[in-house]
Amino acid sequence: MSPFEQAVVAVLRSLRPGEVVTYGEVAAEAGYPGAARAVGRILATSTDDLPWWRVVTATGRLVPGHETEHARRLRAEGVRVTDGHVQP
């Protein structure tokens, strides 16, 4: 894994149940602000068991094509989800 991938994985593994962050927040916390799309690519292609459901877009939107599973996992952790978006 590259240093970037290692940093992103460390941030993702530090997320706790019910904690929701954006792709951009993960990138910034990993030390690579502006790399939100690369975070998404890691989540989409990783074979690791990463908590992908705790990451949403900047607008709170769930992963397109996986909204049902995404919402199910978030709700199981106490997160409010309505119409494919995380609610404050």
N, C-alpha and C. Protein backbone atom coordinates (compact mmCIF):
# COMPACT_ATOMS: atom_id res chain seq x y z
N MET A 1 0.83 -1.18 0.00
CA MET A 1 0.00 0.00 0.00
C MET A 1 0.88 1.26 0.00
N SER A 2 0.41 2.26 -0.69
CA SER A 2 1.12 3.53 -0.73
C SER A 2 0.94 4.26 0.61
N PRO A 3 1.77 5.25 0.89
CA PRO A 3 1.58 6.04 2.12
C PRO A 3 0.18 6.68 2.18
N PHE A 4 -0.31 7.14 1.04
CA PHE A 4 -1.65 7.71 0.99
C PHE A 4 -2.69 6.67 1.39
N GLU A 5 -2.62 5.49 0.80
CA GLU A 5 -3.58 4.43 1.12
C GLU A 5 -3.50 4.04 2.59
N GLN A 6 -2.30 3.94 3.11
CA GLN A 6 -2.12 3.60 4.52
C GLN A 6 -2.76 4.65 5.43
N ALA A 7 -2.57 5.91 5.09
CA ALA A 7 -3.14 6.99 5.90
C ALA A 7 -4.66 6.97 5.85
N VAL A 8 -5.22 6.74 4.68
CA VAL A 8 -6.68 6.69 4.52
C VAL A 8 -7.24 5.51 5.30
N VAL A 9 -6.63 4.36 5.17
CA VAL A 9 -7.10 3.17 5.89
C VAL A 9 -7.05 3.41 7.40
N ALA A 10 -6.00 4.06 7.89
CA ALA A 10 -5.91 4.36 9.32
C ALA A 10 -7.06 5.25 9.78
N VAL A 11 -7.39 6.26 8.99
CA VAL A 11 -8.52 7.15 9.33
C VAL A 11 -9.82 6.35 9.33
N LEU A 12 -10.03 5.55 8.31
CA LEU A 12 -11.27 4.77 8.21
C LEU A 12 -11.42 3.81 9.38
N ARG A 13 -10.33 3.16 9.76
CA ARG A 13 -10.38 2.20 10.86
C ARG A 13 -10.60 2.90 12.21
N SER A 14 -10.32 4.19 12.29
CA SER A 14 -10.52 4.91 13.54
C SER A 14 -11.97 5.36 13.74
N LEU A 15 -12.79 5.26 12.71
CA LEU A 15 -14.19 5.68 12.81
C LEU A 15 -14.96 4.73 13.72
N ARG A 16 -15.79 5.31 14.56
CA ARG A 16 -16.58 4.54 15.52
C ARG A 16 -18.02 4.39 15.03
N PRO A 17 -18.73 3.39 15.53
CA PRO A 17 -20.14 3.23 15.16
C PRO A 17 -20.93 4.52 15.37
N GLY A 18 -21.72 4.87 14.37
CA GLY A 18 -22.53 6.08 14.41
C GLY A 18 -21.82 7.33 13.95
N GLU A 19 -20.51 7.24 13.74
CA GLU A 19 -19.74 8.38 13.27
C GLU A 19 -19.80 8.40 11.74
N VAL A 20 -20.17 9.53 11.18
CA VAL A 20 -20.28 9.68 9.73
C VAL A 20 -19.40 10.84 9.30
N VAL A 21 -18.59 10.62 8.28
CA VAL A 21 -17.70 11.64 7.74
C VAL A 21 -17.84 11.68 6.23
N THR A 22 -17.32 12.75 5.64
CA THR A 22 -17.34 12.85 4.18
C THR A 22 -16.02 12.33 3.62
N TYR A 23 -16.03 12.06 2.32
CA TYR A 23 -14.81 11.64 1.65
C TYR A 23 -13.72 12.70 1.82
N GLY A 24 -14.11 13.96 1.73
CA GLY A 24 -13.16 15.06 1.90
C GLY A 24 -12.58 15.13 3.30
N GLU A 25 -13.41 14.86 4.30
CA GLU A 25 -12.92 14.86 5.67
C GLU A 25 -11.91 13.73 5.89
N VAL A 26 -12.17 12.57 5.30
CA VAL A 26 -11.22 11.46 5.41
C VAL A 26 -9.89 11.86 4.77
N ALA A 27 -9.96 12.44 3.58
CA ALA A 27 -8.74 12.85 2.87
C ALA A 27 -7.95 13.87 3.70
N ALA A 28 -8.64 14.86 4.23
CA ALA A 28 -7.97 15.89 5.02
C ALA A 28 -7.35 15.31 6.29
N GLU A 29 -8.10 14.47 6.98
CA GLU A 29 -7.60 13.85 8.21
C GLU A 29 -6.38 12.96 7.92
N ALA A 30 -6.35 12.36 6.74
CA ALA A 30 -5.22 11.51 6.35
C ALA A 30 -4.01 12.34 5.93
N GLY A 31 -4.21 13.66 5.80
CA GLY A 31 -3.09 14.52 5.42
C GLY A 31 -3.03 14.84 3.94
N TYR A 32 -4.14 14.56 3.24
CA TYR A 32 -4.19 14.79 1.79
C TYR A 32 -5.46 15.55 1.42
N PRO A 33 -5.58 16.80 1.88
CA PRO A 33 -6.78 17.58 1.54
C PRO A 33 -6.94 17.68 0.03
N GLY A 34 -8.17 17.59 -0.41
CA GLY A 34 -8.45 17.67 -1.84
C GLY A 34 -8.44 16.32 -2.54
N ALA A 35 -8.20 15.24 -1.80
CA ALA A 35 -8.12 13.92 -2.42
C ALA A 35 -9.38 13.08 -2.14
N ALA A 36 -10.53 13.73 -2.08
CA ALA A 36 -11.77 13.03 -1.76
C ALA A 36 -12.08 11.91 -2.77
N ARG A 37 -11.89 12.18 -4.04
CA ARG A 37 -12.18 11.15 -5.06
C ARG A 37 -11.27 9.94 -4.90
N ALA A 38 -10.05 10.18 -4.52
CA ALA A 38 -9.11 9.07 -4.31
C ALA A 38 -9.54 8.22 -3.11
N VAL A 39 -10.12 8.85 -2.10
CA VAL A 39 -10.66 8.11 -0.96
C VAL A 39 -11.79 7.21 -1.45
N GLY A 40 -12.66 7.75 -2.27
CA GLY A 40 -13.74 6.94 -2.84
C GLY A 40 -13.23 5.77 -3.64
N ARG A 41 -12.18 5.99 -4.38
CA ARG A 41 -11.58 4.91 -5.18
C ARG A 41 -11.03 3.80 -4.28
N ILE A 42 -10.39 4.20 -3.19
CA ILE A 42 -9.89 3.20 -2.24
C ILE A 42 -11.04 2.37 -1.67
N LEU A 43 -12.10 3.04 -1.26
CA LEU A 43 -13.24 2.32 -0.71
C LEU A 43 -13.90 1.40 -1.74
N ALA A 44 -13.96 1.85 -2.98
CA ALA A 44 -14.61 1.07 -4.03
C ALA A 44 -13.80 -0.15 -4.44
N THR A 45 -12.49 -0.09 -4.28
CA THR A 45 -11.64 -1.17 -4.79
C THR A 45 -10.95 -1.99 -3.70
N SER A 46 -11.08 -1.61 -2.46
CA SER A 46 -10.38 -2.29 -1.38
C SER A 46 -10.95 -3.68 -1.12
N THR A 47 -10.06 -4.58 -0.82
CA THR A 47 -10.48 -5.92 -0.41
C THR A 47 -10.50 -6.03 1.11
N ASP A 48 -10.03 -4.96 1.79
CA ASP A 48 -10.07 -4.93 3.26
C ASP A 48 -11.50 -4.72 3.73
N ASP A 49 -11.75 -5.08 4.95
CA ASP A 49 -13.06 -4.90 5.55
C ASP A 49 -13.12 -3.50 6.17
N LEU A 50 -13.25 -2.49 5.33
CA LEU A 50 -13.28 -1.10 5.79
C LEU A 50 -14.72 -0.64 6.01
N PRO A 51 -14.96 0.23 6.98
CA PRO A 51 -16.31 0.71 7.27
C PRO A 51 -16.79 1.76 6.25
N TRP A 52 -16.98 1.33 5.02
CA TRP A 52 -17.35 2.22 3.92
C TRP A 52 -18.67 2.95 4.17
N TRP A 53 -19.57 2.33 4.93
CA TRP A 53 -20.89 2.91 5.16
C TRP A 53 -20.85 4.15 6.05
N ARG A 54 -19.73 4.41 6.69
CA ARG A 54 -19.61 5.60 7.54
C ARG A 54 -19.11 6.82 6.76
N VAL A 55 -18.99 6.67 5.44
CA VAL A 55 -18.49 7.75 4.60
C VAL A 55 -19.58 8.14 3.59
N VAL A 56 -19.84 9.44 3.49
CA VAL A 56 -20.85 9.96 2.58
C VAL A 56 -20.27 11.13 1.78
N THR A 57 -21.01 11.61 0.81
CA THR A 57 -20.57 12.77 0.04
C THR A 57 -20.68 14.04 0.89
N ALA A 58 -20.17 15.12 0.37
CA ALA A 58 -20.20 16.40 1.08
C ALA A 58 -21.64 16.85 1.37
N THR A 59 -22.59 16.39 0.57
CA THR A 59 -24.00 16.76 0.78
C THR A 59 -24.73 15.74 1.64
N GLY A 60 -24.03 14.71 2.12
CA GLY A 60 -24.64 13.69 2.95
C GLY A 60 -25.29 12.56 2.18
N ARG A 61 -25.07 12.55 0.87
CA ARG A 61 -25.67 11.52 0.01
C ARG A 61 -24.98 10.18 0.22
N LEU A 62 -25.78 9.13 0.16
CA LEU A 62 -25.27 7.78 0.28
C LEU A 62 -24.66 7.32 -1.05
N VAL A 63 -23.95 6.20 -1.02
CA VAL A 63 -23.28 5.69 -2.22
C VAL A 63 -24.32 5.28 -3.27
N PRO A 64 -24.29 5.90 -4.45
CA PRO A 64 -25.24 5.55 -5.51
C PRO A 64 -25.14 4.07 -5.87
N GLY A 65 -26.30 3.45 -5.97
CA GLY A 65 -26.35 2.03 -6.30
C GLY A 65 -26.28 1.12 -5.08
N HIS A 66 -25.94 1.70 -3.94
CA HIS A 66 -25.82 0.91 -2.70
C HIS A 66 -26.60 1.58 -1.56
N GLU A 67 -27.55 2.43 -1.94
CA GLU A 67 -28.28 3.21 -0.93
C GLU A 67 -28.99 2.35 0.11
N THR A 68 -29.60 1.26 -0.32
CA THR A 68 -30.36 0.43 0.62
C THR A 68 -29.45 -0.17 1.68
N GLU A 69 -28.35 -0.77 1.26
CA GLU A 69 -27.40 -1.36 2.21
C GLU A 69 -26.71 -0.29 3.05
N HIS A 70 -26.38 0.82 2.41
CA HIS A 70 -25.73 1.92 3.11
C HIS A 70 -26.64 2.43 4.23
N ALA A 71 -27.90 2.69 3.89
CA ALA A 71 -28.87 3.19 4.87
C ALA A 71 -29.10 2.16 5.98
N ARG A 72 -29.18 0.88 5.63
CA ARG A 72 -29.40 -0.16 6.62
C ARG A 72 -28.28 -0.18 7.66
N ARG A 73 -27.04 -0.12 7.18
CA ARG A 73 -25.90 -0.16 8.09
C ARG A 73 -25.83 1.08 8.98
N LEU A 74 -26.10 2.25 8.39
CA LEU A 74 -26.07 3.49 9.18
C LEU A 74 -27.19 3.49 10.22
N ARG A 75 -28.38 3.09 9.82
CA ARG A 75 -29.50 3.06 10.77
C ARG A 75 -29.22 2.10 11.92
N ALA A 76 -28.56 0.99 11.63
CA ALA A 76 -28.21 0.02 12.67
C ALA A 76 -27.27 0.64 13.71
N GLU A 77 -26.58 1.71 13.32
CA GLU A 77 -25.66 2.41 14.23
C GLU A 77 -26.30 3.68 14.82
N GLY A 78 -27.60 3.86 14.56
CA GLY A 78 -28.32 4.99 15.14
C GLY A 78 -28.30 6.27 14.33
N VAL A 79 -27.86 6.20 13.07
CA VAL A 79 -27.79 7.38 12.22
C VAL A 79 -29.12 7.55 11.48
N ARG A 80 -29.63 8.77 11.44
CA ARG A 80 -30.87 9.06 10.72
C ARG A 80 -30.58 9.21 9.24
N VAL A 81 -31.35 8.50 8.40
CA VAL A 81 -31.19 8.56 6.95
C VAL A 81 -32.58 8.75 6.35
N THR A 82 -32.70 9.75 5.48
CA THR A 82 -33.97 10.03 4.80
C THR A 82 -33.69 10.33 3.34
N ASP A 83 -34.43 9.68 2.46
CA ASP A 83 -34.33 9.94 1.02
C ASP A 83 -32.88 9.88 0.51
N GLY A 84 -32.14 8.88 0.97
CA GLY A 84 -30.78 8.68 0.47
C GLY A 84 -29.74 9.64 0.99
N HIS A 85 -30.07 10.36 2.08
CA HIS A 85 -29.14 11.31 2.69
C HIS A 85 -29.10 11.15 4.20
N VAL A 86 -27.93 11.36 4.77
CA VAL A 86 -27.79 11.37 6.22
C VAL A 86 -28.41 12.66 6.74
N GLN A 87 -29.13 12.55 7.85
CA GLN A 87 -29.78 13.72 8.45
C GLN A 87 -29.01 14.16 9.68
N PRO A 88 -28.94 15.47 9.89
CA PRO A 88 -28.22 15.99 11.08
C PRO A 88 -28.93 15.61 12.37
